[in-house]
Structures are given as C-alpha cells and as structure tokens.
Amino acid sequence: MVKIPKEQRRYCPNCDEHTDQTVKEVTNRSDSPFKKKFRKRQRKIDHGYGSFPYENPAIRSRGRKNPTSEKKDLQFTCNECGKSWKPSEPLRAAKLEIER
C-alpha cells in the first residue's frame, strides 16, 4: 500500500515556484464520447464482437502477465494560485491511501 500525505510541497507550473499543494485522487471519470478509443469500443459493443464486452480478463493479455496494479490518477491543487494540474507520469500502485 502506498501512503501519500494530503499536503505536499511541490513545484507549481503556474506559479513557477515550490508551493504547498493538496492532492486528490480523481475517480469515476469516463472517456469523452468523441475519443477514438471510445468510438471503437462502442462500435464493437453495438455490432457484437465475440464475447467482447464481457471477455475473460485473465486471458486478455494473450500470454503476457496482467499487471496487478493500476495507474492512479492524481490531481494537485496549488494553495496559492488555486490552479490544478496532473503529473505527466501517473503513480502505479495496487492500493493508494491519502493521509490527512
């Protein structure tokens, strides 16, 4: 389990200096219906493609090992300017806990 403090002192790209920032995990975000991967998936679901929407995740990778962790979507908010930003490389962890 990865534990992250809620308040961190990090570089703010908008202020161009290190400031205190709050971190929050963004959840329940759906893809935009205009993105190509969303349209492709919807086309497969609508027209039928084997057992596509309910395929077995254990054999999804075709011989390769599936990762047991996922990339967590973190969002940092600067306490001085109030702007939010996301890191370019997301954190990979099975469980994430934000400490107060």
PDB file of N, CA and C in Angstrom:
ATOM      1  N   MET A   1       0.841  -1.172   0.000  1.00  0.00           N
ATOM      2  CA  MET A   1       0.000   0.000   0.000  1.00  0.00           C
ATOM      3  C   MET A   1       0.887   1.236   0.000  1.00  0.00           C
ATOM      4  N   VAL A   2       0.529   2.169  -0.858  1.00  0.00           N
ATOM      5  CA  VAL A   2       1.266   3.425  -0.954  1.00  0.00           C
ATOM      6  C   VAL A   2       0.496   4.490  -0.185  1.00  0.00           C
ATOM      7  N   LYS A   3       1.174   5.134   0.754  1.00  0.00           N
ATOM      8  CA  LYS A   3       0.557   6.194   1.543  1.00  0.00           C
ATOM      9  C   LYS A   3       1.144   7.531   1.124  1.00  0.00           C
ATOM     10  N   ILE A   4       0.275   8.471   0.797  1.00  0.00           N
ATOM     11  CA  ILE A   4       0.692   9.795   0.332  1.00  0.00           C
ATOM     12  C   ILE A   4       0.095  10.841   1.263  1.00  0.00           C
ATOM     13  N   PRO A   5       0.905  11.812   1.715  1.00  0.00           N
ATOM     14  CA  PRO A   5       0.328  12.885   2.538  1.00  0.00           C
ATOM     15  C   PRO A   5      -0.577  13.795   1.711  1.00  0.00           C
ATOM     16  N   LYS A   6      -1.643  14.282   2.349  1.00  0.00           N
ATOM     17  CA  LYS A   6      -2.607  15.129   1.643  1.00  0.00           C
ATOM     18  C   LYS A   6      -2.012  16.486   1.274  1.00  0.00           C
ATOM     19  N   GLU A   7      -1.170  17.023   2.126  1.00  0.00           N
ATOM     20  CA  GLU A   7      -0.493  18.306   1.859  1.00  0.00           C
ATOM     21  C   GLU A   7       0.955  18.013   1.487  1.00  0.00           C
ATOM     22  N   GLN A   8       1.388  18.533   0.346  1.00  0.00           N
ATOM     23  CA  GLN A   8       2.761  18.344  -0.096  1.00  0.00           C
ATOM     24  C   GLN A   8       3.314  19.678  -0.591  1.00  0.00           C
ATOM     25  N   ARG A   9       4.626  19.795  -0.486  1.00  0.00           N
ATOM     26  CA  ARG A   9       5.288  20.976  -1.044  1.00  0.00           C
ATOM     27  C   ARG A   9       5.907  20.540  -2.365  1.00  0.00           C
ATOM     28  N   ARG A  10       5.326  21.019  -3.464  1.00  0.00           N
ATOM     29  CA  ARG A  10       5.745  20.612  -4.797  1.00  0.00           C
ATOM     30  C   ARG A  10       5.885  21.833  -5.695  1.00  0.00           C
ATOM     31  N   TYR A  11       6.434  21.573  -6.871  1.00  0.00           N
ATOM     32  CA  TYR A  11       6.598  22.647  -7.861  1.00  0.00           C
ATOM     33  C   TYR A  11       5.261  22.912  -8.548  1.00  0.00           C
ATOM     34  N   CYS A  12       4.863  24.161  -8.592  1.00  0.00           N
ATOM     35  CA  CYS A  12       3.639  24.566  -9.280  1.00  0.00           C
ATOM     36  C   CYS A  12       4.028  25.161 -10.632  1.00  0.00           C
ATOM     37  N   PRO A  13       3.575  24.588 -11.745  1.00  0.00           N
ATOM     38  CA  PRO A  13       3.948  25.129 -13.055  1.00  0.00           C
ATOM     39  C   PRO A  13       3.333  26.498 -13.334  1.00  0.00           C
ATOM     40  N   ASN A  14       2.236  26.839 -12.647  1.00  0.00           N
ATOM     41  CA  ASN A  14       1.603  28.136 -12.884  1.00  0.00           C
ATOM     42  C   ASN A  14       2.303  29.255 -12.110  1.00  0.00           C
ATOM     43  N   CYS A  15       2.643  28.981 -10.833  1.00  0.00           N
ATOM     44  CA  CYS A  15       3.354  29.980 -10.020  1.00  0.00           C
ATOM     45  C   CYS A  15       4.842  30.017 -10.346  1.00  0.00           C
ATOM     46  N   ASP A  16       5.356  28.950 -10.946  1.00  0.00           N
ATOM     47  CA  ASP A  16       6.773  28.800 -11.281  1.00  0.00           C
ATOM     48  C   ASP A  16       7.643  28.801 -10.022  1.00  0.00           C
ATOM     49  N   GLU A  17       7.144  28.205  -8.949  1.00  0.00           N
ATOM     50  CA  GLU A  17       7.915  28.057  -7.716  1.00  0.00           C
ATOM     51  C   GLU A  17       7.314  26.921  -6.896  1.00  0.00           C
ATOM     52  N   HIS A  18       8.013  26.521  -5.851  1.00  0.00           N
ATOM     53  CA  HIS A  18       7.526  25.462  -4.968  1.00  0.00           C
ATOM     54  C   HIS A  18       6.513  26.045  -3.980  1.00  0.00           C
ATOM     55  N   THR A  19       5.345  25.412  -3.924  1.00  0.00           N
ATOM     56  CA  THR A  19       4.285  25.868  -3.040  1.00  0.00           C
ATOM     57  C   THR A  19       3.654  24.664  -2.337  1.00  0.00           C
ATOM     58  N   ASP A  20       2.850  24.926  -1.304  1.00  0.00           N
ATOM     59  CA  ASP A  20       2.098  23.860  -0.649  1.00  0.00           C
ATOM     60  C   ASP A  20       0.903  23.503  -1.529  1.00  0.00           C
ATOM     61  N   GLN A  21       0.697  22.191  -1.721  1.00  0.00           N
ATOM     62  CA  GLN A  21      -0.369  21.740  -2.601  1.00  0.00           C
ATOM     63  C   GLN A  21      -1.135  20.605  -1.948  1.00  0.00           C
ATOM     64  N   THR A  22      -2.417  20.500  -2.278  1.00  0.00           N
ATOM     65  CA  THR A  22      -3.237  19.395  -1.797  1.00  0.00           C
ATOM     66  C   THR A  22      -3.390  18.399  -2.934  1.00  0.00           C
ATOM     67  N   VAL A  23      -3.400  17.118  -2.568  1.00  0.00           N
ATOM     68  CA  VAL A  23      -3.514  16.059  -3.563  1.00  0.00           C
ATOM     69  C   VAL A  23      -4.865  15.377  -3.413  1.00  0.00           C
ATOM     70  N   LYS A  24      -5.439  14.999  -4.545  1.00  0.00           N
ATOM     71  CA  LYS A  24      -6.698  14.264  -4.518  1.00  0.00           C
ATOM     72  C   LYS A  24      -6.679  13.267  -5.668  1.00  0.00           C
ATOM     73  N   GLU A  25      -7.322  12.122  -5.459  1.00  0.00           N
ATOM     74  CA  GLU A  25      -7.397  11.096  -6.487  1.00  0.00           C
ATOM     75  C   GLU A  25      -8.671  11.300  -7.291  1.00  0.00           C
ATOM     76  N   VAL A  26      -8.517  11.427  -8.597  1.00  0.00           N
ATOM     77  CA  VAL A  26      -9.672  11.625  -9.474  1.00  0.00           C
ATOM     78  C   VAL A  26     -10.253  10.262  -9.805  1.00  0.00           C
ATOM     79  N   THR A  27     -11.548  10.076  -9.544  1.00  0.00           N
ATOM     80  CA  THR A  27     -12.191   8.789  -9.809  1.00  0.00           C
ATOM     81  C   THR A  27     -13.465   9.007 -10.604  1.00  0.00           C
ATOM     82  N   ASN A  28     -13.988   7.922 -11.130  1.00  0.00           N
ATOM     83  CA  ASN A  28     -15.247   7.909 -11.872  1.00  0.00           C
ATOM     84  C   ASN A  28     -15.255   8.885 -13.045  1.00  0.00           C
ATOM     85  N   ARG A  29     -14.136   8.925 -13.730  1.00  0.00           N
ATOM     86  CA  ARG A  29     -14.069   9.748 -14.932  1.00  0.00           C
ATOM     87  C   ARG A  29     -14.330   8.851 -16.118  1.00  0.00           C
ATOM     88  N   SER A  30     -15.254   9.200 -16.976  1.00  0.00           N
ATOM     89  CA  SER A  30     -15.496   8.402 -18.161  1.00  0.00           C
ATOM     90  C   SER A  30     -14.791   9.052 -19.345  1.00  0.00           C
ATOM     91  N   ASP A  31     -14.507   8.248 -20.359  1.00  0.00           N
ATOM     92  CA  ASP A  31     -13.882   8.780 -21.553  1.00  0.00           C
ATOM     93  C   ASP A  31     -14.851   9.684 -22.295  1.00  0.00           C
ATOM     94  N   SER A  32     -14.300  10.643 -22.992  1.00  0.00           N
ATOM     95  CA  SER A  32     -15.130  11.502 -23.812  1.00  0.00           C
ATOM     96  C   SER A  32     -15.725  10.686 -24.952  1.00  0.00           C
ATOM     97  N   PRO A  33     -16.980  10.872 -25.270  1.00  0.00           N
ATOM     98  CA  PRO A  33     -17.570  10.085 -26.363  1.00  0.00           C
ATOM     99  C   PRO A  33     -17.016  10.435 -27.733  1.00  0.00           C
ATOM    100  N   PHE A  34     -16.172  11.448 -27.804  1.00  0.00           N
ATOM    101  CA  PHE A  34     -15.601  11.841 -29.085  1.00  0.00           C
ATOM    102  C   PHE A  34     -14.231  11.207 -29.317  1.00  0.00           C
ATOM    103  N   LYS A  35     -13.667  10.566 -28.298  1.00  0.00           N
ATOM    104  CA  LYS A  35     -12.353   9.974 -28.469  1.00  0.00           C
ATOM    105  C   LYS A  35     -12.441   8.729 -29.337  1.00  0.00           C
ATOM    106  N   LYS A  36     -11.352   8.453 -30.053  1.00  0.00           N
ATOM    107  CA  LYS A  36     -11.352   7.344 -30.994  1.00  0.00           C
ATOM    108  C   LYS A  36     -11.517   6.008 -30.283  1.00  0.00           C
ATOM    109  N   LYS A  37     -10.859   5.828 -29.135  1.00  0.00           N
ATOM    110  CA  LYS A  37     -10.954   4.533 -28.454  1.00  0.00           C
ATOM    111  C   LYS A  37     -12.358   4.307 -27.901  1.00  0.00           C
ATOM    112  N   PHE A  38     -13.056   5.362 -27.511  1.00  0.00           N
ATOM    113  CA  PHE A  38     -14.427   5.214 -27.042  1.00  0.00           C
ATOM    114  C   PHE A  38     -15.338   4.809 -28.193  1.00  0.00           C
ATOM    115  N   ARG A  39     -15.166   5.454 -29.354  1.00  0.00           N
ATOM    116  CA  ARG A  39     -15.995   5.132 -30.518  1.00  0.00           C
ATOM    117  C   ARG A  39     -15.739   3.707 -30.991  1.00  0.00           C
ATOM    118  N   LYS A  40     -14.480   3.267 -30.937  1.00  0.00           N
ATOM    119  CA  LYS A  40     -14.146   1.908 -31.373  1.00  0.00           C
ATOM    120  C   LYS A  40     -14.787   0.885 -30.442  1.00  0.00           C
ATOM    121  N   ARG A  41     -14.705   1.112 -29.154  1.00  0.00           N
ATOM    122  CA  ARG A  41     -15.306   0.181 -28.200  1.00  0.00           C
ATOM    123  C   ARG A  41     -16.826   0.146 -28.364  1.00  0.00           C
ATOM    124  N   GLN A  42     -17.428   1.299 -28.554  1.00  0.00           N
ATOM    125  CA  GLN A  42     -18.881   1.356 -28.717  1.00  0.00           C
ATOM    126  C   GLN A  42     -19.318   0.630 -29.987  1.00  0.00           C
ATOM    127  N   ARG A  43     -18.526   0.758 -31.050  1.00  0.00           N
ATOM    128  CA  ARG A  43     -18.840   0.068 -32.305  1.00  0.00           C
ATOM    129  C   ARG A  43     -18.803  -1.436 -32.117  1.00  0.00           C
ATOM    130  N   LYS A  44     -17.816  -1.928 -31.353  1.00  0.00           N
ATOM    131  CA  LYS A  44     -17.722  -3.363 -31.099  1.00  0.00           C
ATOM    132  C   LYS A  44     -18.887  -3.850 -30.238  1.00  0.00           C
ATOM    133  N   ILE A  45     -19.279  -3.052 -29.256  1.00  0.00           N
ATOM    134  CA  ILE A  45     -20.390  -3.446 -28.396  1.00  0.00           C
ATOM    135  C   ILE A  45     -21.693  -3.466 -29.190  1.00  0.00           C
ATOM    136  N   ASP A  46     -21.898  -2.464 -30.035  1.00  0.00           N
ATOM    137  CA  ASP A  46     -23.150  -2.366 -30.791  1.00  0.00           C
ATOM    138  C   ASP A  46     -23.302  -3.492 -31.805  1.00  0.00           C
ATOM    139  N   HIS A  47     -22.219  -3.830 -32.501  1.00  0.00           N
ATOM    140  CA  HIS A  47     -22.315  -4.797 -33.588  1.00  0.00           C
ATOM    141  C   HIS A  47     -21.997  -6.221 -33.149  1.00  0.00           C
ATOM    142  N   GLY A  48     -21.480  -6.388 -31.941  1.00  0.00           N
ATOM    143  CA  GLY A  48     -21.133  -7.733 -31.483  1.00  0.00           C
ATOM    144  C   GLY A  48     -19.767  -8.136 -31.998  1.00  0.00           C
ATOM    145  N   TYR A  49     -18.912  -8.590 -31.117  1.00  0.00           N
ATOM    146  CA  TYR A  49     -17.555  -8.975 -31.497  1.00  0.00           C
ATOM    147  C   TYR A  49     -17.155 -10.106 -30.572  1.00  0.00           C
ATOM    148  N   GLY A  50     -17.621 -11.313 -30.846  1.00  0.00           N
ATOM    149  CA  GLY A  50     -17.321 -12.442 -29.970  1.00  0.00           C
ATOM    150  C   GLY A  50     -17.940 -12.196 -28.619  1.00  0.00           C
ATOM    151  N   SER A  51     -17.150 -12.301 -27.587  1.00  0.00           N
ATOM    152  CA  SER A  51     -17.638 -12.020 -26.237  1.00  0.00           C
ATOM    153  C   SER A  51     -17.002 -10.730 -25.744  1.00  0.00           C
ATOM    154  N   PHE A  52     -16.883  -9.738 -26.612  1.00  0.00           N
ATOM    155  CA  PHE A  52     -16.044  -8.576 -26.348  1.00  0.00           C
ATOM    156  C   PHE A  52     -16.312  -7.843 -25.037  1.00  0.00           C
ATOM    157  N   PRO A  53     -17.516  -7.359 -24.759  1.00  0.00           N
ATOM    158  CA  PRO A  53     -17.631  -6.538 -23.547  1.00  0.00           C
ATOM    159  C   PRO A  53     -17.399  -7.329 -22.263  1.00  0.00           C
ATOM    160  N   TYR A  54     -17.616  -8.644 -22.305  1.00  0.00           N
ATOM    161  CA  TYR A  54     -17.519  -9.450 -21.096  1.00  0.00           C
ATOM    162  C   TYR A  54     -16.430 -10.497 -21.221  1.00  0.00           C
ATOM    163  N   GLU A  55     -15.356 -10.163 -21.896  1.00  0.00           N
ATOM    164  CA  GLU A  55     -14.297 -11.143 -22.096  1.00  0.00           C
ATOM    165  C   GLU A  55     -13.606 -11.466 -20.774  1.00  0.00           C
ATOM    166  N   ASN A  56     -12.934 -12.602 -20.751  1.00  0.00           N
ATOM    167  CA  ASN A  56     -12.238 -13.059 -19.553  1.00  0.00           C
ATOM    168  C   ASN A  56     -10.965 -12.228 -19.373  1.00  0.00           C
ATOM    169  N   PRO A  57     -10.835 -11.474 -18.277  1.00  0.00           N
ATOM    170  CA  PRO A  57      -9.651 -10.629 -18.122  1.00  0.00           C
ATOM    171  C   PRO A  57      -8.365 -11.424 -17.916  1.00  0.00           C
ATOM    172  N   ALA A  58      -8.477 -12.690 -17.510  1.00  0.00           N
ATOM    173  CA  ALA A  58      -7.277 -13.491 -17.283  1.00  0.00           C
ATOM    174  C   ALA A  58      -6.575 -13.821 -18.590  1.00  0.00           C
ATOM    175  N   ILE A  59      -7.317 -13.944 -19.680  1.00  0.00           N
ATOM    176  CA  ILE A  59      -6.698 -14.275 -20.966  1.00  0.00           C
ATOM    177  C   ILE A  59      -6.665 -13.068 -21.889  1.00  0.00           C
ATOM    178  N   ARG A  60      -6.927 -11.883 -21.359  1.00  0.00           N
ATOM    179  CA  ARG A  60      -6.972 -10.681 -22.170  1.00  0.00           C
ATOM    180  C   ARG A  60      -5.606 -10.358 -22.776  1.00  0.00           C
ATOM    181  N   SER A  61      -4.545 -10.662 -22.039  1.00  0.00           N
ATOM    182  CA  SER A  61      -3.221 -10.234 -22.481  1.00  0.00           C
ATOM    183  C   SER A  61      -2.558 -11.209 -23.429  1.00  0.00           C
ATOM    184  N   ARG A  62      -3.206 -12.320 -23.749  1.00  0.00           N
ATOM    185  CA  ARG A  62      -2.699 -13.298 -24.727  1.00  0.00           C
ATOM    186  C   ARG A  62      -1.304 -13.796 -24.390  1.00  0.00           C
ATOM    187  N   GLY A  63      -1.166 -14.367 -23.222  1.00  0.00           N
ATOM    188  CA  GLY A  63       0.103 -14.989 -22.854  1.00  0.00           C
ATOM    189  C   GLY A  63       0.966 -14.129 -21.971  1.00  0.00           C
ATOM    190  N   ARG A  64       0.773 -12.816 -21.976  1.00  0.00           N
ATOM    191  CA  ARG A  64       1.567 -11.961 -21.109  1.00  0.00           C
ATOM    192  C   ARG A  64       0.885 -11.854 -19.755  1.00  0.00           C
ATOM    193  N   LYS A  65       1.653 -11.515 -18.745  1.00  0.00           N
ATOM    194  CA  LYS A  65       1.106 -11.403 -17.400  1.00  0.00           C
ATOM    195  C   LYS A  65       0.373 -10.079 -17.257  1.00  0.00           C
ATOM    196  N   ASN A  66      -0.827 -10.128 -16.700  1.00  0.00           N
ATOM    197  CA  ASN A  66      -1.589  -8.904 -16.474  1.00  0.00           C
ATOM    198  C   ASN A  66      -1.043  -8.196 -15.244  1.00  0.00           C
ATOM    199  N   PRO A  67      -0.937  -6.864 -15.277  1.00  0.00           N
ATOM    200  CA  PRO A  67      -0.460  -6.148 -14.099  1.00  0.00           C
ATOM    201  C   PRO A  67      -1.500  -6.190 -12.978  1.00  0.00           C
ATOM    202  N   THR A  68      -1.030  -6.382 -11.749  1.00  0.00           N
ATOM    203  CA  THR A  68      -1.940  -6.421 -10.612  1.00  0.00           C
ATOM    204  C   THR A  68      -2.191  -5.037 -10.061  1.00  0.00           C
ATOM    205  N   SER A  69      -1.421  -4.067 -10.515  1.00  0.00           N
ATOM    206  CA  SER A  69      -1.611  -2.691 -10.059  1.00  0.00           C
ATOM    207  C   SER A  69      -2.149  -1.864 -11.219  1.00  0.00           C
ATOM    208  N   GLU A  70      -2.648  -0.684 -10.896  1.00  0.00           N
ATOM    209  CA  GLU A  70      -3.144   0.199 -11.930  1.00  0.00           C
ATOM    210  C   GLU A  70      -2.567   1.594 -11.727  1.00  0.00           C
ATOM    211  N   LYS A  71      -2.622   2.394 -12.751  1.00  0.00           N
ATOM    212  CA  LYS A  71      -2.096   3.746 -12.676  1.00  0.00           C
ATOM    213  C   LYS A  71      -3.139   4.637 -12.020  1.00  0.00           C
ATOM    214  N   LYS A  72      -2.753   5.285 -10.936  1.00  0.00           N
ATOM    215  CA  LYS A  72      -3.655   6.147 -10.191  1.00  0.00           C
ATOM    216  C   LYS A  72      -3.622   7.558 -10.769  1.00  0.00           C
ATOM    217  N   ASP A  73      -4.796   8.131 -10.905  1.00  0.00           N
ATOM    218  CA  ASP A  73      -4.931   9.462 -11.482  1.00  0.00           C
ATOM    219  C   ASP A  73      -4.958  10.483 -10.349  1.00  0.00           C
ATOM    220  N   LEU A  74      -3.838  11.166 -10.119  1.00  0.00           N
ATOM    221  CA  LEU A  74      -3.734  12.137  -9.037  1.00  0.00           C
ATOM    222  C   LEU A  74      -3.862  13.551  -9.589  1.00  0.00           C
ATOM    223  N   GLN A  75      -4.415  14.438  -8.780  1.00  0.00           N
ATOM    224  CA  GLN A  75      -4.564  15.839  -9.165  1.00  0.00           C
ATOM    225  C   GLN A  75      -4.055  16.702  -8.022  1.00  0.00           C
ATOM    226  N   PHE A  76      -3.149  17.610  -8.324  1.00  0.00           N
ATOM    227  CA  PHE A  76      -2.575  18.509  -7.335  1.00  0.00           C
ATOM    228  C   PHE A  76      -3.182  19.894  -7.501  1.00  0.00           C
ATOM    229  N   THR A  77      -3.555  20.529  -6.384  1.00  0.00           N
ATOM    230  CA  THR A  77      -4.122  21.870  -6.402  1.00  0.00           C
ATOM    231  C   THR A  77      -3.230  22.787  -5.576  1.00  0.00           C
ATOM    232  N   CYS A  78      -2.773  23.850  -6.195  1.00  0.00           N
ATOM    233  CA  CYS A  78      -1.907  24.814  -5.516  1.00  0.00           C
ATOM    234  C   CYS A  78      -2.744  25.635  -4.549  1.00  0.00           C
ATOM    235  N   ASN A  79      -2.228  25.818  -3.328  1.00  0.00           N
ATOM    236  CA  ASN A  79      -2.958  26.585  -2.325  1.00  0.00           C
ATOM    237  C   ASN A  79      -2.818  28.090  -2.533  1.00  0.00           C
ATOM    238  N   GLU A  80      -1.833  28.523  -3.326  1.00  0.00           N
ATOM    239  CA  GLU A  80      -1.623  29.948  -3.538  1.00  0.00           C
ATOM    240  C   GLU A  80      -2.410  30.482  -4.736  1.00  0.00           C
ATOM    241  N   CYS A  81      -2.281  29.820  -5.887  1.00  0.00           N
ATOM    242  CA  CYS A  81      -2.980  30.313  -7.083  1.00  0.00           C
ATOM    243  C   CYS A  81      -4.310  29.596  -7.303  1.00  0.00           C
ATOM    244  N   GLY A  82      -4.518  28.432  -6.671  1.00  0.00           N
ATOM    245  CA  GLY A  82      -5.780  27.711  -6.788  1.00  0.00           C
ATOM    246  C   GLY A  82      -5.921  26.887  -8.047  1.00  0.00           C
ATOM    247  N   LYS A  83      -4.878  26.819  -8.874  1.00  0.00           N
ATOM    248  CA  LYS A  83      -4.961  26.055 -10.114  1.00  0.00           C
ATOM    249  C   LYS A  83      -4.584  24.602  -9.855  1.00  0.00           C
ATOM    250  N   SER A  84      -5.187  23.699 -10.638  1.00  0.00           N
ATOM    251  CA  SER A  84      -4.930  22.271 -10.513  1.00  0.00           C
ATOM    252  C   SER A  84      -4.119  21.796 -11.702  1.00  0.00           C
ATOM    253  N   TRP A  85      -3.353  20.746 -11.491  1.00  0.00           N
ATOM    254  CA  TRP A  85      -2.570  20.143 -12.560  1.00  0.00           C
ATOM    255  C   TRP A  85      -2.356  18.674 -12.246  1.00  0.00           C
ATOM    256  N   LYS A  86      -2.004  17.910 -13.261  1.00  0.00           N
ATOM    257  CA  LYS A  86      -1.765  16.479 -13.110  1.00  0.00           C
ATOM    258  C   LYS A  86      -0.333  16.177 -13.499  1.00  0.00           C
ATOM    259  N   PRO A  87       0.311  15.250 -12.783  1.00  0.00           N
ATOM    260  CA  PRO A  87       1.682  14.897 -13.149  1.00  0.00           C
ATOM    261  C   PRO A  87       1.709  14.165 -14.487  1.00  0.00           C
ATOM    262  N   SER A  88       2.820  14.303 -15.220  1.00  0.00           N
ATOM    263  CA  SER A  88       2.917  13.684 -16.538  1.00  0.00           C
ATOM    264  C   SER A  88       3.024  12.165 -16.441  1.00  0.00           C
ATOM    265  N   GLU A  89       3.654  11.659 -15.385  1.00  0.00           N
ATOM    266  CA  GLU A  89       3.760  10.217 -15.207  1.00  0.00           C
ATOM    267  C   GLU A  89       2.905   9.811 -14.011  1.00  0.00           C
ATOM    268  N   PRO A  90       1.817   9.069 -14.238  1.00  0.00           N
ATOM    269  CA  PRO A  90       0.951   8.683 -13.113  1.00  0.00           C
ATOM    270  C   PRO A  90       1.624   7.652 -12.220  1.00  0.00           C
ATOM    271  N   LEU A  91       1.156   7.582 -10.988  1.00  0.00           N
ATOM    272  CA  LEU A  91       1.695   6.653  -9.995  1.00  0.00           C
ATOM    273  C   LEU A  91       1.046   5.292 -10.189  1.00  0.00           C
ATOM    274  N   ARG A  92       1.862   4.231 -10.220  1.00  0.00           N
ATOM    275  CA  ARG A  92       1.328   2.882 -10.353  1.00  0.00           C
ATOM    276  C   ARG A  92       1.332   2.227  -8.976  1.00  0.00           C
ATOM    277  N   ALA A  93       0.147   1.814  -8.518  1.00  0.00           N
ATOM    278  CA  ALA A  93       0.030   1.185  -7.211  1.00  0.00           C
ATOM    279  C   ALA A  93      -1.236   0.336  -7.172  1.00  0.00           C
ATOM    280  N   ALA A  94      -1.194  -0.740  -6.379  1.00  0.00           N
ATOM    281  CA  ALA A  94      -2.372  -1.576  -6.227  1.00  0.00           C
ATOM    282  C   ALA A  94      -3.366  -0.900  -5.303  1.00  0.00           C
ATOM    283  N   LYS A  95      -2.867  -0.315  -4.203  1.00  0.00           N
ATOM    284  CA  LYS A  95      -3.727   0.394  -3.272  1.00  0.00           C
ATOM    285  C   LYS A  95      -3.072   1.736  -2.954  1.00  0.00           C
ATOM    286  N   LEU A  96      -3.891   2.758  -2.861  1.00  0.00           N
ATOM    287  CA  LEU A  96      -3.407   4.107  -2.594  1.00  0.00           C
ATOM    288  C   LEU A  96      -4.217   4.695  -1.453  1.00  0.00           C
ATOM    289  N   GLU A  97      -3.511   5.253  -0.471  1.00  0.00           N
ATOM    290  CA  GLU A  97      -4.176   5.883   0.654  1.00  0.00           C
ATOM    291  C   GLU A  97      -3.630   7.285   0.826  1.00  0.00           C
ATOM    292  N   ILE A  98      -4.534   8.262   0.884  1.00  0.00           N
ATOM    293  CA  ILE A  98      -4.121   9.656   1.089  1.00  0.00           C
ATOM    294  C   ILE A  98      -4.325   9.975   2.567  1.00  0.00           C
ATOM    295  N   GLU A  99      -3.217  10.251   3.252  1.00  0.00           N
ATOM    296  CA  GLU A  99      -3.262  10.512   4.690  1.00  0.00           C
ATOM    297  C   GLU A  99      -3.592  11.976   4.953  1.00  0.00           C
ATOM    298  N   ARG A 100      -4.262  12.219   6.034  1.00  0.00           N
ATOM    299  CA  ARG A 100      -4.628  13.597   6.396  1.00  0.00           C
ATOM    300  C   ARG A 100      -3.583  14.221   7.260  1.00  0.00           C
TER     301      ARG A 100
END
